[in-house]
Amino acid sequence: MARAGLTPDTLALAAAETADALGFEALTAAAVARRLGVRLPSLYSHVANLDELKGRVALLALQELADRVDEALAGRAGRDALHALADVHRAYARAYPGRFAAARHPLSSQLAAASAGPRLSRAMFALLRGYAIGEAEQVHAVRLLGSFLLGFALLEGADAFSHRAPASDASWERSLQVLDALLRQWPAAVVPA
């Protein structure tokens, strides 16, 4: 029997908080049960296994990130939109490192389609409307942006930038200037000979 007050939403939030504290890879059902002050079997009234629990954290993270991105991009285009999108990702990774990692957790195609992931993708494609990038090239541009956002966040989270001046904030700003310039000058597709 499920414990009163324990719902799928409270379970997902407790798991997300645990992931932020311990790291997403270290997330266990036992750690979540301890955080909630319940016995482990109580959790399994709401989730079948650890993968489902991690999936719920992923869905929560994608929803939170998409909501923040939507709000940040409203009324912005071009360089301003790029900065807003990037700053939201960086702030989220800093504030919620476990959830940020969870957003990359593999989901079934059905769960992925129903998640906020497609909203994040649409936001990145919408951002590109402020740049003259042909439709056939937009996937490449979105992948470049995603790689930058993820890579910078992971390296910064691991203190990889703390060993040399300037501070990572300066590199962040410079990187966004370079990305903006690159997106403005995106090369045409090269057709193989």
N, C-alpha and C. Protein backbone atom coordinates (compact mmCIF):
# COMPACT_ATOMS: atom_id res chain seq x y z
N MET A 1 0.84 -1.19 0.00
CA MET A 1 0.00 0.00 0.00
C MET A 1 0.88 1.25 0.00
N ALA A 2 0.50 2.22 -0.80
CA ALA A 2 1.26 3.47 -0.91
C ALA A 2 1.08 4.31 0.34
N ARG A 3 2.13 4.97 0.76
CA ARG A 3 2.09 5.84 1.92
C ARG A 3 1.29 7.09 1.58
N ALA A 4 0.47 7.53 2.53
CA ALA A 4 -0.33 8.74 2.33
C ALA A 4 0.61 9.92 2.09
N GLY A 5 0.31 10.74 1.10
CA GLY A 5 1.12 11.90 0.80
C GLY A 5 2.22 11.64 -0.20
N LEU A 6 2.52 10.39 -0.43
CA LEU A 6 3.55 10.05 -1.41
C LEU A 6 2.87 9.88 -2.76
N THR A 7 3.19 10.79 -3.67
CA THR A 7 2.60 10.77 -5.01
C THR A 7 3.71 10.65 -6.04
N PRO A 8 3.37 10.34 -7.28
CA PRO A 8 4.40 10.33 -8.32
C PRO A 8 5.15 11.67 -8.43
N ASP A 9 4.44 12.78 -8.23
CA ASP A 9 5.08 14.09 -8.32
C ASP A 9 6.04 14.35 -7.16
N THR A 10 5.61 14.01 -5.91
CA THR A 10 6.50 14.21 -4.77
C THR A 10 7.70 13.27 -4.87
N LEU A 11 7.47 12.09 -5.39
CA LEU A 11 8.56 11.14 -5.58
C LEU A 11 9.56 11.66 -6.61
N ALA A 12 9.07 12.19 -7.73
CA ALA A 12 9.96 12.73 -8.76
C ALA A 12 10.76 13.91 -8.23
N LEU A 13 10.13 14.79 -7.47
CA LEU A 13 10.83 15.95 -6.92
C LEU A 13 11.89 15.51 -5.91
N ALA A 14 11.55 14.56 -5.05
CA ALA A 14 12.53 14.06 -4.07
C ALA A 14 13.70 13.38 -4.78
N ALA A 15 13.41 12.66 -5.83
CA ALA A 15 14.48 12.02 -6.61
C ALA A 15 15.35 13.07 -7.29
N ALA A 16 14.74 14.14 -7.80
CA ALA A 16 15.49 15.22 -8.43
C ALA A 16 16.39 15.92 -7.41
N GLU A 17 15.86 16.17 -6.23
CA GLU A 17 16.67 16.80 -5.18
C GLU A 17 17.82 15.89 -4.76
N THR A 18 17.56 14.60 -4.70
CA THR A 18 18.61 13.64 -4.36
C THR A 18 19.68 13.63 -5.44
N ALA A 19 19.25 13.66 -6.70
CA ALA A 19 20.20 13.68 -7.82
C ALA A 19 21.05 14.95 -7.78
N ASP A 20 20.45 16.07 -7.42
CA ASP A 20 21.22 17.31 -7.32
C ASP A 20 22.26 17.22 -6.21
N ALA A 21 21.92 16.55 -5.14
CA ALA A 21 22.83 16.44 -4.00
C ALA A 21 23.93 15.41 -4.22
N LEU A 22 23.58 14.29 -4.83
CA LEU A 22 24.53 13.17 -4.96
C LEU A 22 25.13 13.01 -6.35
N GLY A 23 24.44 13.53 -7.34
CA GLY A 23 24.79 13.29 -8.74
C GLY A 23 23.80 12.31 -9.32
N PHE A 24 23.41 12.53 -10.56
CA PHE A 24 22.39 11.69 -11.19
C PHE A 24 22.83 10.23 -11.28
N GLU A 25 24.11 10.00 -11.58
CA GLU A 25 24.60 8.63 -11.70
C GLU A 25 24.57 7.90 -10.37
N ALA A 26 24.63 8.63 -9.27
CA ALA A 26 24.62 8.02 -7.94
C ALA A 26 23.20 7.87 -7.37
N LEU A 27 22.20 8.30 -8.12
CA LEU A 27 20.82 8.22 -7.65
C LEU A 27 20.39 6.77 -7.45
N THR A 28 19.87 6.49 -6.27
CA THR A 28 19.32 5.15 -5.99
C THR A 28 17.94 5.32 -5.35
N ALA A 29 17.14 4.29 -5.47
CA ALA A 29 15.82 4.31 -4.83
C ALA A 29 15.97 4.38 -3.31
N ALA A 30 16.97 3.71 -2.77
CA ALA A 30 17.20 3.73 -1.32
C ALA A 30 17.50 5.14 -0.84
N ALA A 31 18.29 5.89 -1.61
CA ALA A 31 18.62 7.27 -1.22
C ALA A 31 17.37 8.15 -1.24
N VAL A 32 16.50 7.93 -2.22
CA VAL A 32 15.25 8.70 -2.30
C VAL A 32 14.34 8.33 -1.13
N ALA A 33 14.26 7.05 -0.81
CA ALA A 33 13.45 6.61 0.32
C ALA A 33 13.94 7.26 1.62
N ARG A 34 15.26 7.31 1.80
CA ARG A 34 15.82 7.96 2.99
C ARG A 34 15.44 9.44 3.02
N ARG A 35 15.54 10.11 1.88
CA ARG A 35 15.19 11.54 1.82
C ARG A 35 13.74 11.76 2.21
N LEU A 36 12.88 10.85 1.78
CA LEU A 36 11.45 10.99 2.06
C LEU A 36 11.06 10.43 3.43
N GLY A 37 11.98 9.72 4.06
CA GLY A 37 11.67 9.11 5.35
C GLY A 37 10.68 7.97 5.25
N VAL A 38 10.78 7.22 4.15
CA VAL A 38 9.88 6.08 3.95
C VAL A 38 10.70 4.82 3.73
N ARG A 39 10.03 3.70 3.82
CA ARG A 39 10.70 2.43 3.53
C ARG A 39 10.73 2.24 2.01
N LEU A 40 11.74 1.55 1.56
CA LEU A 40 11.93 1.34 0.12
C LEU A 40 10.70 0.77 -0.59
N PRO A 41 9.99 -0.20 0.01
CA PRO A 41 8.81 -0.72 -0.68
C PRO A 41 7.74 0.33 -0.99
N SER A 42 7.69 1.41 -0.19
CA SER A 42 6.72 2.48 -0.46
C SER A 42 6.97 3.13 -1.81
N LEU A 43 8.24 3.24 -2.18
CA LEU A 43 8.57 3.84 -3.48
C LEU A 43 8.08 2.96 -4.61
N TYR A 44 8.20 1.67 -4.41
CA TYR A 44 7.85 0.75 -5.49
C TYR A 44 6.34 0.59 -5.67
N SER A 45 5.57 1.31 -4.86
CA SER A 45 4.13 1.41 -5.12
C SER A 45 3.87 2.43 -6.22
N HIS A 46 4.90 3.25 -6.51
CA HIS A 46 4.74 4.33 -7.49
C HIS A 46 5.63 4.19 -8.72
N VAL A 47 6.74 3.46 -8.59
CA VAL A 47 7.64 3.22 -9.72
C VAL A 47 8.01 1.74 -9.76
N ALA A 48 8.22 1.23 -10.94
CA ALA A 48 8.53 -0.19 -11.09
C ALA A 48 9.99 -0.49 -10.76
N ASN A 49 10.88 0.48 -11.07
CA ASN A 49 12.31 0.21 -10.89
C ASN A 49 13.09 1.53 -10.93
N LEU A 50 14.40 1.43 -10.77
CA LEU A 50 15.25 2.62 -10.76
C LEU A 50 15.20 3.36 -12.09
N ASP A 51 15.14 2.63 -13.19
CA ASP A 51 15.10 3.31 -14.49
C ASP A 51 13.85 4.17 -14.63
N GLU A 52 12.73 3.68 -14.15
CA GLU A 52 11.51 4.49 -14.20
C GLU A 52 11.64 5.73 -13.31
N LEU A 53 12.25 5.55 -12.15
CA LEU A 53 12.49 6.68 -11.25
C LEU A 53 13.38 7.73 -11.93
N LYS A 54 14.45 7.27 -12.56
CA LYS A 54 15.34 8.19 -13.28
C LYS A 54 14.60 8.84 -14.44
N GLY A 55 13.73 8.10 -15.09
CA GLY A 55 12.94 8.66 -16.18
C GLY A 55 12.04 9.78 -15.70
N ARG A 56 11.49 9.62 -14.50
CA ARG A 56 10.63 10.68 -13.95
C ARG A 56 11.44 11.94 -13.63
N VAL A 57 12.67 11.74 -13.17
CA VAL A 57 13.54 12.90 -12.93
C VAL A 57 13.85 13.58 -14.27
N ALA A 58 14.11 12.78 -15.29
CA ALA A 58 14.38 13.34 -16.62
C ALA A 58 13.20 14.16 -17.12
N LEU A 59 12.00 13.63 -16.97
CA LEU A 59 10.81 14.35 -17.42
C LEU A 59 10.62 15.65 -16.65
N LEU A 60 10.86 15.61 -15.36
CA LEU A 60 10.78 16.83 -14.54
C LEU A 60 11.81 17.86 -14.99
N ALA A 61 13.03 17.41 -15.21
CA ALA A 61 14.10 18.32 -15.63
C ALA A 61 13.79 18.95 -16.98
N LEU A 62 13.34 18.15 -17.92
CA LEU A 62 13.01 18.68 -19.24
C LEU A 62 11.89 19.71 -19.15
N GLN A 63 10.89 19.43 -18.31
CA GLN A 63 9.78 20.36 -18.13
C GLN A 63 10.26 21.68 -17.53
N GLU A 64 11.06 21.58 -16.47
CA GLU A 64 11.57 22.79 -15.82
C GLU A 64 12.43 23.61 -16.77
N LEU A 65 13.30 22.95 -17.49
CA LEU A 65 14.19 23.65 -18.42
C LEU A 65 13.40 24.28 -19.56
N ALA A 66 12.45 23.55 -20.11
CA ALA A 66 11.63 24.09 -21.21
C ALA A 66 10.83 25.30 -20.75
N ASP A 67 10.28 25.24 -19.54
CA ASP A 67 9.52 26.38 -19.02
C ASP A 67 10.42 27.61 -18.90
N ARG A 68 11.63 27.41 -18.41
CA ARG A 68 12.56 28.53 -18.25
C ARG A 68 13.00 29.09 -19.61
N VAL A 69 13.23 28.20 -20.56
CA VAL A 69 13.64 28.63 -21.90
C VAL A 69 12.51 29.42 -22.57
N ASP A 70 11.29 28.90 -22.49
CA ASP A 70 10.15 29.62 -23.09
C ASP A 70 10.03 31.03 -22.54
N GLU A 71 10.15 31.14 -21.23
CA GLU A 71 10.04 32.46 -20.59
C GLU A 71 11.18 33.37 -21.01
N ALA A 72 12.39 32.83 -21.08
CA ALA A 72 13.56 33.65 -21.42
C ALA A 72 13.55 34.11 -22.87
N LEU A 73 13.01 33.29 -23.76
CA LEU A 73 13.04 33.63 -25.19
C LEU A 73 11.89 34.55 -25.63
N ALA A 74 10.89 34.67 -24.81
CA ALA A 74 9.72 35.47 -25.20
C ALA A 74 10.13 36.88 -25.61
N GLY A 75 9.81 37.23 -26.86
CA GLY A 75 10.09 38.57 -27.37
C GLY A 75 11.53 38.83 -27.78
N ARG A 76 12.37 37.80 -27.78
CA ARG A 76 13.77 37.99 -28.13
C ARG A 76 14.08 37.32 -29.46
N ALA A 77 15.09 37.84 -30.14
CA ALA A 77 15.54 37.26 -31.41
C ALA A 77 17.04 37.47 -31.54
N GLY A 78 17.64 36.72 -32.44
CA GLY A 78 19.06 36.89 -32.75
C GLY A 78 19.96 36.73 -31.54
N ARG A 79 20.90 37.66 -31.41
CA ARG A 79 21.90 37.60 -30.34
C ARG A 79 21.25 37.57 -28.95
N ASP A 80 20.20 38.36 -28.75
CA ASP A 80 19.52 38.38 -27.46
C ASP A 80 18.91 37.02 -27.13
N ALA A 81 18.31 36.39 -28.12
CA ALA A 81 17.73 35.06 -27.91
C ALA A 81 18.81 34.03 -27.63
N LEU A 82 19.91 34.12 -28.35
CA LEU A 82 21.02 33.19 -28.12
C LEU A 82 21.52 33.30 -26.68
N HIS A 83 21.75 34.52 -26.23
CA HIS A 83 22.21 34.73 -24.85
C HIS A 83 21.18 34.23 -23.84
N ALA A 84 19.92 34.50 -24.08
CA ALA A 84 18.87 34.08 -23.15
C ALA A 84 18.82 32.55 -23.05
N LEU A 85 18.83 31.89 -24.19
CA LEU A 85 18.79 30.42 -24.20
C LEU A 85 20.01 29.85 -23.50
N ALA A 86 21.17 30.36 -23.82
CA ALA A 86 22.40 29.86 -23.24
C ALA A 86 22.46 30.12 -21.74
N ASP A 87 22.08 31.32 -21.33
CA ASP A 87 22.14 31.66 -19.91
C ASP A 87 21.19 30.80 -19.08
N VAL A 88 20.03 30.47 -19.63
CA VAL A 88 19.09 29.60 -18.92
C VAL A 88 19.71 28.22 -18.73
N HIS A 89 20.30 27.67 -19.77
CA HIS A 89 20.93 26.35 -19.65
C HIS A 89 22.06 26.36 -18.62
N ARG A 90 22.88 27.39 -18.68
CA ARG A 90 24.01 27.47 -17.75
C ARG A 90 23.52 27.63 -16.31
N ALA A 91 22.55 28.49 -16.10
CA ALA A 91 22.02 28.69 -14.75
C ALA A 91 21.36 27.41 -14.22
N TYR A 92 20.64 26.72 -15.07
CA TYR A 92 19.98 25.48 -14.65
C TYR A 92 21.03 24.43 -14.29
N ALA A 93 22.07 24.30 -15.10
CA ALA A 93 23.13 23.33 -14.82
C ALA A 93 23.83 23.64 -13.51
N ARG A 94 24.01 24.91 -13.22
CA ARG A 94 24.66 25.31 -11.97
C ARG A 94 23.76 25.06 -10.76
N ALA A 95 22.49 25.40 -10.88
CA ALA A 95 21.57 25.28 -9.75
C ALA A 95 21.13 23.84 -9.51
N TYR A 96 20.99 23.08 -10.59
CA TYR A 96 20.45 21.73 -10.50
C TYR A 96 21.31 20.74 -11.30
N PRO A 97 22.52 20.48 -10.86
CA PRO A 97 23.42 19.64 -11.65
C PRO A 97 22.90 18.22 -11.89
N GLY A 98 22.22 17.65 -10.91
CA GLY A 98 21.67 16.30 -11.09
C GLY A 98 20.54 16.29 -12.10
N ARG A 99 19.70 17.29 -12.04
CA ARG A 99 18.59 17.38 -12.99
C ARG A 99 19.11 17.67 -14.40
N PHE A 100 20.13 18.52 -14.47
CA PHE A 100 20.70 18.82 -15.79
C PHE A 100 21.23 17.54 -16.42
N ALA A 101 21.89 16.70 -15.64
CA ALA A 101 22.37 15.41 -16.15
C ALA A 101 21.19 14.51 -16.50
N ALA A 102 20.13 14.56 -15.71
CA ALA A 102 18.95 13.72 -15.96
C ALA A 102 18.27 14.06 -17.28
N ALA A 103 18.37 15.31 -17.70
CA ALA A 103 17.73 15.72 -18.95
C ALA A 103 18.29 14.96 -20.15
N ARG A 104 19.44 14.33 -19.99
CA ARG A 104 20.03 13.53 -21.07
C ARG A 104 19.76 12.04 -20.91
N HIS A 105 19.02 11.66 -19.88
CA HIS A 105 18.72 10.25 -19.63
C HIS A 105 17.88 9.69 -20.79
N PRO A 106 18.27 8.55 -21.32
CA PRO A 106 17.49 7.97 -22.43
C PRO A 106 16.06 7.64 -22.01
N LEU A 107 15.12 8.07 -22.81
CA LEU A 107 13.71 7.78 -22.59
C LEU A 107 13.19 6.95 -23.75
N SER A 108 12.14 6.20 -23.51
CA SER A 108 11.50 5.48 -24.61
C SER A 108 11.01 6.51 -25.62
N SER A 109 10.83 6.09 -26.85
CA SER A 109 10.39 7.05 -27.88
C SER A 109 9.03 7.64 -27.52
N GLN A 110 8.17 6.86 -26.89
CA GLN A 110 6.85 7.37 -26.49
C GLN A 110 6.97 8.42 -25.40
N LEU A 111 7.79 8.14 -24.37
CA LEU A 111 8.00 9.12 -23.30
C LEU A 111 8.70 10.37 -23.82
N ALA A 112 9.70 10.18 -24.67
CA ALA A 112 10.43 11.31 -25.21
C ALA A 112 9.50 12.23 -26.00
N ALA A 113 8.62 11.65 -26.80
CA ALA A 113 7.70 12.44 -27.60
C ALA A 113 6.72 13.21 -26.73
N ALA A 114 6.33 12.64 -25.58
CA ALA A 114 5.37 13.28 -24.69
C ALA A 114 6.05 14.24 -23.71
N SER A 115 7.37 14.24 -23.67
CA SER A 115 8.11 15.08 -22.74
C SER A 115 8.20 16.51 -23.25
N ALA A 116 8.86 17.35 -22.48
CA ALA A 116 9.11 18.73 -22.90
C ALA A 116 10.34 18.83 -23.79
N GLY A 117 10.99 17.72 -24.07
CA GLY A 117 12.15 17.72 -24.96
C GLY A 117 11.86 18.33 -26.33
N PRO A 118 10.77 17.92 -26.98
CA PRO A 118 10.45 18.54 -28.26
C PRO A 118 10.24 20.06 -28.17
N ARG A 119 9.73 20.55 -27.04
CA ARG A 119 9.60 22.00 -26.85
C ARG A 119 10.95 22.68 -26.82
N LEU A 120 11.92 22.04 -26.15
CA LEU A 120 13.28 22.60 -26.13
C LEU A 120 13.86 22.62 -27.53
N SER A 121 13.64 21.56 -28.28
CA SER A 121 14.13 21.50 -29.65
C SER A 121 13.50 22.59 -30.51
N ARG A 122 12.19 22.76 -30.38
CA ARG A 122 11.50 23.80 -31.15
C ARG A 122 12.02 25.19 -30.79
N ALA A 123 12.34 25.39 -29.52
CA ALA A 123 12.87 26.69 -29.09
C ALA A 123 14.21 26.96 -29.76
N MET A 124 15.04 25.93 -29.88
CA MET A 124 16.34 26.13 -30.53
C MET A 124 16.17 26.42 -32.02
N PHE A 125 15.25 25.71 -32.66
CA PHE A 125 14.99 26.00 -34.08
C PHE A 125 14.39 27.38 -34.24
N ALA A 126 13.52 27.79 -33.32
CA ALA A 126 12.93 29.13 -33.39
C ALA A 126 14.00 30.20 -33.24
N LEU A 127 14.97 29.96 -32.38
CA LEU A 127 16.07 30.90 -32.20
C LEU A 127 16.79 31.15 -33.53
N LEU A 128 16.90 30.11 -34.35
CA LEU A 128 17.62 30.23 -35.62
C LEU A 128 16.90 31.11 -36.63
N ARG A 129 15.62 31.43 -36.39
CA ARG A 129 14.91 32.33 -37.29
C ARG A 129 15.54 33.72 -37.30
N GLY A 130 16.29 34.03 -36.25
CA GLY A 130 16.97 35.32 -36.18
C GLY A 130 18.28 35.33 -36.96
N TYR A 131 18.59 34.22 -37.58
CA TYR A 131 19.83 34.09 -38.36
C TYR A 131 19.46 33.56 -39.75
N ALA A 132 20.26 33.87 -40.73
CA ALA A 132 19.99 33.45 -42.11
C ALA A 132 20.61 32.08 -42.37
N ILE A 133 20.07 31.06 -41.71
CA ILE A 133 20.57 29.70 -41.88
C ILE A 133 19.52 28.91 -42.63
N GLY A 134 19.91 28.34 -43.75
CA GLY A 134 18.98 27.56 -44.56
C GLY A 134 18.41 26.38 -43.79
N GLU A 135 17.22 25.99 -44.17
CA GLU A 135 16.53 24.91 -43.46
C GLU A 135 17.36 23.63 -43.40
N ALA A 136 18.03 23.30 -44.49
CA ALA A 136 18.83 22.07 -44.52
C ALA A 136 20.02 22.13 -43.56
N GLU A 137 20.43 23.32 -43.17
CA GLU A 137 21.58 23.49 -42.28
C GLU A 137 21.18 23.66 -40.81
N GLN A 138 19.91 23.85 -40.55
CA GLN A 138 19.48 24.15 -39.19
C GLN A 138 19.75 23.02 -38.20
N VAL A 139 19.61 21.80 -38.61
CA VAL A 139 19.90 20.68 -37.70
C VAL A 139 21.35 20.74 -37.25
N HIS A 140 22.25 21.06 -38.16
CA HIS A 140 23.66 21.17 -37.80
C HIS A 140 23.88 22.30 -36.79
N ALA A 141 23.20 23.41 -37.00
CA ALA A 141 23.34 24.55 -36.10
C ALA A 141 22.80 24.22 -34.71
N VAL A 142 21.66 23.54 -34.65
CA VAL A 142 21.07 23.16 -33.37
C VAL A 142 22.01 22.18 -32.65
N ARG A 143 22.58 21.26 -33.37
CA ARG A 143 23.51 20.31 -32.75
C ARG A 143 24.76 21.02 -32.23
N LEU A 144 25.24 22.00 -32.95
CA LEU A 144 26.39 22.78 -32.50
C LEU A 144 26.05 23.52 -31.21
N LEU A 145 24.89 24.18 -31.17
CA LEU A 145 24.48 24.91 -29.97
C LEU A 145 24.33 23.96 -28.79
N GLY A 146 23.65 22.84 -29.03
CA GLY A 146 23.47 21.87 -27.96
C GLY A 146 24.78 21.34 -27.43
N SER A 147 25.72 21.08 -28.33
CA SER A 147 27.04 20.58 -27.92
C SER A 147 27.78 21.61 -27.09
N PHE A 148 27.71 22.86 -27.51
CA PHE A 148 28.35 23.92 -26.73
C PHE A 148 27.73 24.03 -25.35
N LEU A 149 26.40 24.10 -25.28
CA LEU A 149 25.73 24.26 -23.99
C LEU A 149 26.05 23.12 -23.04
N LEU A 150 25.98 21.91 -23.54
CA LEU A 150 26.27 20.75 -22.71
C LEU A 150 27.74 20.70 -22.32
N GLY A 151 28.61 20.87 -23.29
CA GLY A 151 30.04 20.79 -23.01
C GLY A 151 30.52 21.82 -22.03
N PHE A 152 30.11 23.06 -22.22
CA PHE A 152 30.54 24.12 -21.30
C PHE A 152 30.03 23.83 -19.90
N ALA A 153 28.75 23.45 -19.79
CA ALA A 153 28.16 23.18 -18.47
C ALA A 153 28.88 22.03 -17.78
N LEU A 154 29.17 20.97 -18.51
CA LEU A 154 29.85 19.82 -17.89
C LEU A 154 31.27 20.18 -17.45
N LEU A 155 31.99 20.87 -18.29
CA LEU A 155 33.36 21.26 -17.93
C LEU A 155 33.37 22.25 -16.77
N GLU A 156 32.48 23.22 -16.81
CA GLU A 156 32.42 24.19 -15.72
C GLU A 156 32.00 23.51 -14.41
N GLY A 157 31.04 22.59 -14.49
CA GLY A 157 30.59 21.87 -13.31
C GLY A 157 31.69 21.01 -12.69
N ALA A 158 32.63 20.57 -13.52
CA ALA A 158 33.76 19.77 -13.04
C ALA A 158 34.96 20.63 -12.66
N ASP A 159 34.77 21.95 -12.60
CA ASP A 159 35.84 22.91 -12.28
C ASP A 159 37.01 22.84 -13.26
N ALA A 160 36.74 22.45 -14.48
CA ALA A 160 37.80 22.34 -15.48
C ALA A 160 38.35 23.69 -15.91
N PHE A 161 37.62 24.77 -15.66
CA PHE A 161 38.07 26.09 -16.07
C PHE A 161 38.70 26.88 -14.93
N SER A 162 38.82 26.28 -13.76
CA SER A 162 39.28 27.03 -12.60
C SER A 162 40.80 27.08 -12.47
N HIS A 163 41.51 26.46 -13.39
CA HIS A 163 42.96 26.36 -13.27
C HIS A 163 43.73 27.43 -14.02
N ARG A 164 43.01 28.29 -14.72
CA ARG A 164 43.70 29.30 -15.51
C ARG A 164 42.80 30.51 -15.70
N ALA A 165 43.41 31.67 -15.67
CA ALA A 165 42.67 32.91 -15.93
C ALA A 165 42.48 33.03 -17.44
N PRO A 166 41.46 33.70 -17.89
CA PRO A 166 40.44 34.42 -17.14
C PRO A 166 39.39 33.47 -16.57
N ALA A 167 38.49 34.05 -15.78
CA ALA A 167 37.40 33.28 -15.18
C ALA A 167 36.48 32.74 -16.26
N SER A 168 35.76 31.70 -15.92
CA SER A 168 34.87 31.07 -16.91
C SER A 168 33.80 32.02 -17.41
N ASP A 169 33.41 33.03 -16.62
CA ASP A 169 32.42 34.01 -17.09
C ASP A 169 32.92 34.73 -18.34
N ALA A 170 34.20 35.06 -18.36
CA ALA A 170 34.77 35.74 -19.53
C ALA A 170 34.75 34.82 -20.75
N SER A 171 35.09 33.55 -20.53
CA SER A 171 35.06 32.60 -21.64
C SER A 171 33.64 32.37 -22.13
N TRP A 172 32.69 32.35 -21.20
CA TRP A 172 31.28 32.19 -21.56
C TRP A 172 30.84 33.32 -22.48
N GLU A 173 31.11 34.54 -22.09
CA GLU A 173 30.70 35.70 -22.90
C GLU A 173 31.40 35.69 -24.26
N ARG A 174 32.68 35.39 -24.26
CA ARG A 174 33.42 35.35 -25.53
C ARG A 174 32.90 34.25 -26.43
N SER A 175 32.60 33.10 -25.87
CA SER A 175 32.07 31.98 -26.65
C SER A 175 30.73 32.34 -27.28
N LEU A 176 29.89 33.05 -26.53
CA LEU A 176 28.60 33.45 -27.09
C LEU A 176 28.77 34.48 -28.20
N GLN A 177 29.75 35.37 -28.06
CA GLN A 177 30.04 36.32 -29.14
C GLN A 177 30.46 35.56 -30.40
N VAL A 178 31.31 34.58 -30.23
CA VAL A 178 31.80 33.80 -31.37
C VAL A 178 30.66 32.98 -31.99
N LEU A 179 29.83 32.37 -31.15
CA LEU A 179 28.69 31.61 -31.68
C LEU A 179 27.74 32.51 -32.45
N ASP A 180 27.48 33.70 -31.93
CA ASP A 180 26.61 34.64 -32.64
C ASP A 180 27.21 34.99 -33.99
N ALA A 181 28.50 35.29 -34.02
CA ALA A 181 29.16 35.62 -35.29
C ALA A 181 29.11 34.44 -36.25
N LEU A 182 29.33 33.24 -35.74
CA LEU A 182 29.27 32.06 -36.59
C LEU A 182 27.87 31.85 -37.16
N LEU A 183 26.86 31.99 -36.33
CA LEU A 183 25.49 31.80 -36.81
C LEU A 183 25.13 32.86 -37.84
N ARG A 184 25.65 34.08 -37.69
CA ARG A 184 25.39 35.13 -38.68
C ARG A 184 26.09 34.86 -40.01
N GLN A 185 27.18 34.14 -39.96
CA GLN A 185 27.97 33.86 -41.17
C GLN A 185 27.95 32.38 -41.54
N TRP A 186 26.89 31.68 -41.18
CA TRP A 186 26.82 30.23 -41.40
C TRP A 186 27.09 29.90 -42.88
N PRO A 187 28.05 29.02 -43.12
CA PRO A 187 28.36 28.72 -44.52
C PRO A 187 27.26 27.88 -45.18
N ALA A 188 27.17 28.05 -46.49
CA ALA A 188 26.21 27.24 -47.25
C ALA A 188 26.69 25.79 -47.26
N ALA A 189 25.77 24.89 -47.44
CA ALA A 189 26.11 23.47 -47.47
C ALA A 189 27.03 23.18 -48.63
N VAL A 190 28.01 22.35 -48.38
CA VAL A 190 28.94 21.94 -49.44
C VAL A 190 28.37 20.68 -50.08
N VAL A 191 28.16 20.76 -51.37
CA VAL A 191 27.63 19.60 -52.10
C VAL A 191 28.81 18.75 -52.55
N PRO A 192 28.81 17.45 -52.15
CA PRO A 192 29.94 16.58 -52.55
C PRO A 192 30.04 16.46 -54.07
N ALA A 193 31.27 16.42 -54.55
CA ALA A 193 31.51 16.33 -55.99
C ALA A 193 31.27 14.94 -56.50
